[in-house]
Amino acid sequence: TFYLLYDWDRLVATLDDLLPRDHLPVVRALALEIDLTLASFVRGMGTVCFILGTYYALALMLVGLQFGLVVGFIAGLVTFIPYVGALVGGALAIGLGLFQFWGDWLSLGLVGAIFIAGQMIEGNYLTPKLVGLSVGLHPVWLLFALSVFGSLFGFAGMLVAVPVAAAIGVLARFGIGQYKLSRLYKGTSGSDDV
């Protein structure tokens, strides 16, 4: 990572020098749009992590779990990995809850319910709305990308699903735009009447 960051400008300049001169503006524009989309993804995931970390921390503190603040923020920090935030945070919270609430099954059940509710909120609302909209993907496409990449490549696929789908979305929107400008779409008369 250090050497990649150190030589990043030289690497980009070398790749830029290899691009065909006729297509240079288009490739640069697409690369910039993909870069902006990936930056939006990082901001969206950061927002999701912050919201879930705050939710977990406050909810665990309200239940009365000792170290609930720490557990909540740990769960929020690793939320960028699908399901891992809830699993790690839930395991930590339930493990601590077993020691603290032994015999008080209602409090222990509330700790588990907090993470189940958090996972439902994250999967059904936060990620599709905040991350999906920030990268220009419809929530259905976002869930489809997570499912396909998760099935094909497992855990690593789920990590790269949204950024790769966002980059594919940028290229697909460009392709559709080029198609609508072409004679194939407009026909031989060149009119827009359909």
Protein backbone atom coordinates (compact mmCIF):
# COMPACT_ATOMS: atom_id res chain seq x y z
CA THR A 1 0.00 0.00 0.00
CA PHE A 2 2.82 2.38 0.86
CA TYR A 3 4.56 1.89 -2.49
CA LEU A 4 1.28 2.12 -4.36
CA LEU A 5 0.49 5.44 -2.69
CA TYR A 6 4.06 6.66 -3.13
CA ASP A 7 4.09 5.92 -6.89
CA TRP A 8 0.41 6.66 -7.56
CA ASP A 9 0.99 9.84 -9.59
CA ARG A 10 3.69 8.15 -11.70
CA LEU A 11 1.43 5.10 -12.23
CA VAL A 12 -1.50 7.27 -13.35
CA ALA A 13 0.77 9.26 -15.68
CA THR A 14 2.11 6.04 -17.23
CA LEU A 15 -1.40 4.66 -17.78
CA ASP A 16 -2.53 8.01 -19.16
CA ASP A 17 0.38 7.94 -21.63
CA LEU A 18 -0.75 4.52 -22.89
CA LEU A 19 -4.30 5.62 -23.71
CA PRO A 20 -5.23 6.05 -27.38
CA ARG A 21 -5.08 9.78 -28.15
CA ASP A 22 -8.39 9.74 -30.07
CA HIS A 23 -10.28 8.41 -27.06
CA LEU A 24 -8.37 10.22 -24.32
CA PRO A 25 -11.14 12.67 -23.26
CA VAL A 26 -13.77 9.91 -23.08
CA VAL A 27 -11.59 7.54 -21.06
CA ARG A 28 -10.55 10.34 -18.70
CA ALA A 29 -14.19 11.38 -18.21
CA LEU A 30 -15.23 7.79 -17.48
CA ALA A 31 -12.34 7.31 -15.06
CA LEU A 32 -13.27 10.54 -13.27
CA GLU A 33 -16.92 9.47 -13.03
CA ILE A 34 -15.93 6.06 -11.65
CA ASP A 35 -13.62 7.79 -9.16
CA LEU A 36 -16.43 10.09 -8.01
CA THR A 37 -18.80 7.13 -7.73
CA LEU A 38 -16.34 5.15 -5.60
CA ALA A 39 -15.78 8.21 -3.40
CA SER A 40 -19.56 8.43 -2.95
CA PHE A 41 -19.58 4.76 -1.99
CA VAL A 42 -16.95 5.34 0.69
CA ARG A 43 -18.88 8.34 2.04
CA GLY A 44 -22.14 6.37 2.01
CA MET A 45 -20.61 3.40 3.83
CA GLY A 46 -18.99 5.76 6.32
CA THR A 47 -22.40 7.26 7.04
CA VAL A 48 -23.95 3.79 7.47
CA CYS A 49 -21.13 2.77 9.83
CA PHE A 50 -21.57 5.94 11.88
CA ILE A 51 -25.36 5.59 12.13
CA LEU A 52 -25.22 1.91 13.10
CA GLY A 53 -22.36 2.43 15.55
CA THR A 54 -24.32 5.20 17.25
CA TYR A 55 -27.49 3.10 17.29
CA TYR A 56 -25.73 0.05 18.76
CA ALA A 57 -23.88 2.10 21.35
CA LEU A 58 -26.95 4.02 22.54
CA ALA A 59 -29.24 1.00 22.52
CA LEU A 60 -26.75 -1.17 24.45
CA MET A 61 -26.19 1.60 26.99
CA LEU A 62 -29.98 1.98 27.44
CA VAL A 63 -30.26 -1.76 28.12
CA GLY A 64 -27.56 -1.31 30.74
CA LEU A 65 -24.80 -3.37 29.19
CA GLN A 66 -21.40 -2.48 30.59
CA PHE A 67 -19.00 -1.49 27.81
CA GLY A 68 -22.03 -1.05 25.55
CA LEU A 69 -20.52 2.13 24.13
CA VAL A 70 -17.32 0.34 23.12
CA VAL A 71 -19.12 -2.69 21.71
CA GLY A 72 -21.48 -0.44 19.72
CA PHE A 73 -18.68 1.51 18.12
CA ILE A 74 -16.70 -1.66 17.32
CA ALA A 75 -19.80 -3.08 15.64
CA GLY A 76 -20.25 0.18 13.73
CA LEU A 77 -16.64 0.25 12.57
CA VAL A 78 -16.77 -3.20 10.98
CA THR A 79 -20.21 -2.72 9.45
CA PHE A 80 -18.59 -1.92 6.09
CA ILE A 81 -18.09 -5.69 5.76
CA PRO A 82 -21.57 -7.16 5.16
CA TYR A 83 -22.91 -9.09 8.17
CA VAL A 84 -19.59 -8.97 10.03
CA GLY A 85 -20.49 -5.86 12.04
CA ALA A 86 -23.62 -7.45 13.39
CA LEU A 87 -21.93 -10.80 14.01
CA VAL A 88 -18.87 -9.38 15.78
CA GLY A 89 -20.88 -6.83 17.73
CA GLY A 90 -23.59 -9.34 18.57
CA ALA A 91 -21.10 -11.95 19.74
CA LEU A 92 -19.27 -9.39 21.91
CA ALA A 93 -22.49 -7.96 23.34
CA ILE A 94 -24.09 -11.35 24.04
CA GLY A 95 -20.83 -12.63 25.52
CA LEU A 96 -20.64 -9.64 27.86
CA GLY A 97 -24.37 -9.90 28.52
CA LEU A 98 -24.05 -13.53 29.60
CA PHE A 99 -21.64 -12.49 32.34
CA GLN A 100 -23.56 -9.38 33.36
CA PHE A 101 -27.17 -10.49 32.94
CA TRP A 102 -26.93 -14.19 33.86
CA GLY A 103 -30.44 -15.23 34.81
CA ASP A 104 -32.01 -12.02 33.45
CA TRP A 105 -33.12 -13.46 30.13
CA LEU A 106 -35.17 -10.39 29.20
CA SER A 107 -32.09 -8.13 29.19
CA LEU A 108 -30.10 -10.74 27.32
CA GLY A 109 -32.92 -11.06 24.77
CA LEU A 110 -32.98 -7.27 24.36
CA VAL A 111 -29.27 -7.30 23.55
CA GLY A 112 -29.87 -9.90 20.83
CA ALA A 113 -32.91 -7.99 19.53
CA ILE A 114 -30.83 -4.82 19.21
CA PHE A 115 -28.50 -6.52 16.74
CA ILE A 116 -31.30 -8.23 14.85
CA ALA A 117 -33.08 -4.87 14.47
CA GLY A 118 -29.81 -3.18 13.49
CA GLN A 119 -29.17 -5.77 10.79
CA MET A 120 -32.70 -5.37 9.45
CA ILE A 121 -32.40 -1.56 9.40
CA GLU A 122 -29.01 -1.73 7.71
CA GLY A 123 -29.97 -4.31 5.10
CA ASN A 124 -33.41 -2.99 4.23
CA TYR A 125 -33.04 0.75 4.56
CA LEU A 126 -29.60 2.25 5.25
CA THR A 127 -27.43 0.44 2.70
CA PRO A 128 -29.93 0.48 -0.19
CA LYS A 129 -30.89 4.12 0.39
CA LEU A 130 -27.62 5.75 1.47
CA VAL A 131 -25.09 3.63 -0.39
CA GLY A 132 -27.24 2.65 -3.37
CA LEU A 133 -28.35 6.20 -4.10
CA SER A 134 -24.87 7.64 -3.56
CA VAL A 135 -23.37 5.32 -6.17
CA GLY A 136 -26.29 5.69 -8.57
CA LEU A 137 -27.60 2.15 -8.17
CA HIS A 138 -31.22 1.25 -7.60
CA PRO A 139 -31.66 -0.73 -4.34
CA VAL A 140 -32.72 -3.80 -6.34
CA TRP A 141 -29.47 -3.70 -8.35
CA LEU A 142 -27.51 -3.21 -5.14
CA LEU A 143 -29.05 -6.29 -3.52
CA PHE A 144 -28.65 -8.22 -6.79
CA ALA A 145 -24.94 -7.30 -6.95
CA LEU A 146 -24.40 -8.40 -3.34
CA SER A 147 -26.19 -11.70 -4.01
CA VAL A 148 -24.37 -12.49 -7.26
CA PHE A 149 -20.90 -11.49 -6.09
CA GLY A 150 -21.45 -13.24 -2.77
CA SER A 151 -22.53 -16.44 -4.53
CA LEU A 152 -19.73 -16.38 -7.07
CA PHE A 153 -16.82 -15.17 -4.97
CA GLY A 154 -17.94 -15.68 -1.36
CA PHE A 155 -16.92 -13.25 1.32
CA ALA A 156 -14.42 -11.40 -0.90
CA GLY A 157 -17.14 -10.97 -3.50
CA MET A 158 -19.41 -9.27 -0.99
CA LEU A 159 -16.62 -6.82 -0.18
CA VAL A 160 -16.13 -5.73 -3.78
CA ALA A 161 -19.74 -6.12 -5.00
CA VAL A 162 -20.90 -2.53 -4.59
CA PRO A 163 -17.78 -0.77 -5.92
CA VAL A 164 -17.58 -3.07 -8.95
CA ALA A 165 -21.33 -2.75 -9.59
CA ALA A 166 -20.99 1.04 -9.35
CA ALA A 167 -18.16 1.04 -11.91
CA ILE A 168 -20.19 -1.24 -14.19
CA GLY A 169 -23.14 1.15 -13.75
CA VAL A 170 -21.02 4.11 -14.92
CA LEU A 171 -19.90 2.19 -17.99
CA ALA A 172 -23.45 0.95 -18.70
CA ARG A 173 -24.87 4.49 -18.50
CA PHE A 174 -22.16 5.65 -20.91
CA GLY A 175 -22.94 2.79 -23.28
CA ILE A 176 -26.66 3.55 -23.21
CA GLY A 177 -25.95 7.22 -23.88
CA GLN A 178 -23.75 6.32 -26.87
CA TYR A 179 -26.40 3.91 -28.15
CA LYS A 180 -29.09 6.61 -28.02
CA LEU A 181 -26.86 8.92 -30.05
CA SER A 182 -26.17 6.26 -32.69
CA ARG A 183 -27.84 5.65 -36.04
CA LEU A 184 -28.85 2.21 -34.80
CA TYR A 185 -31.15 3.84 -32.24
CA LYS A 186 -32.27 6.85 -34.29
CA GLY A 187 -32.70 4.95 -37.53
CA THR A 188 -31.78 6.04 -40.99
CA SER A 189 -33.98 9.12 -40.98
CA GLY A 190 -32.23 10.49 -37.89
CA SER A 191 -35.49 11.70 -36.38
CA ASP A 192 -36.38 11.28 -32.73
CA ASP A 193 -40.00 10.33 -33.53
CA VAL A 194 -40.98 6.90 -32.27
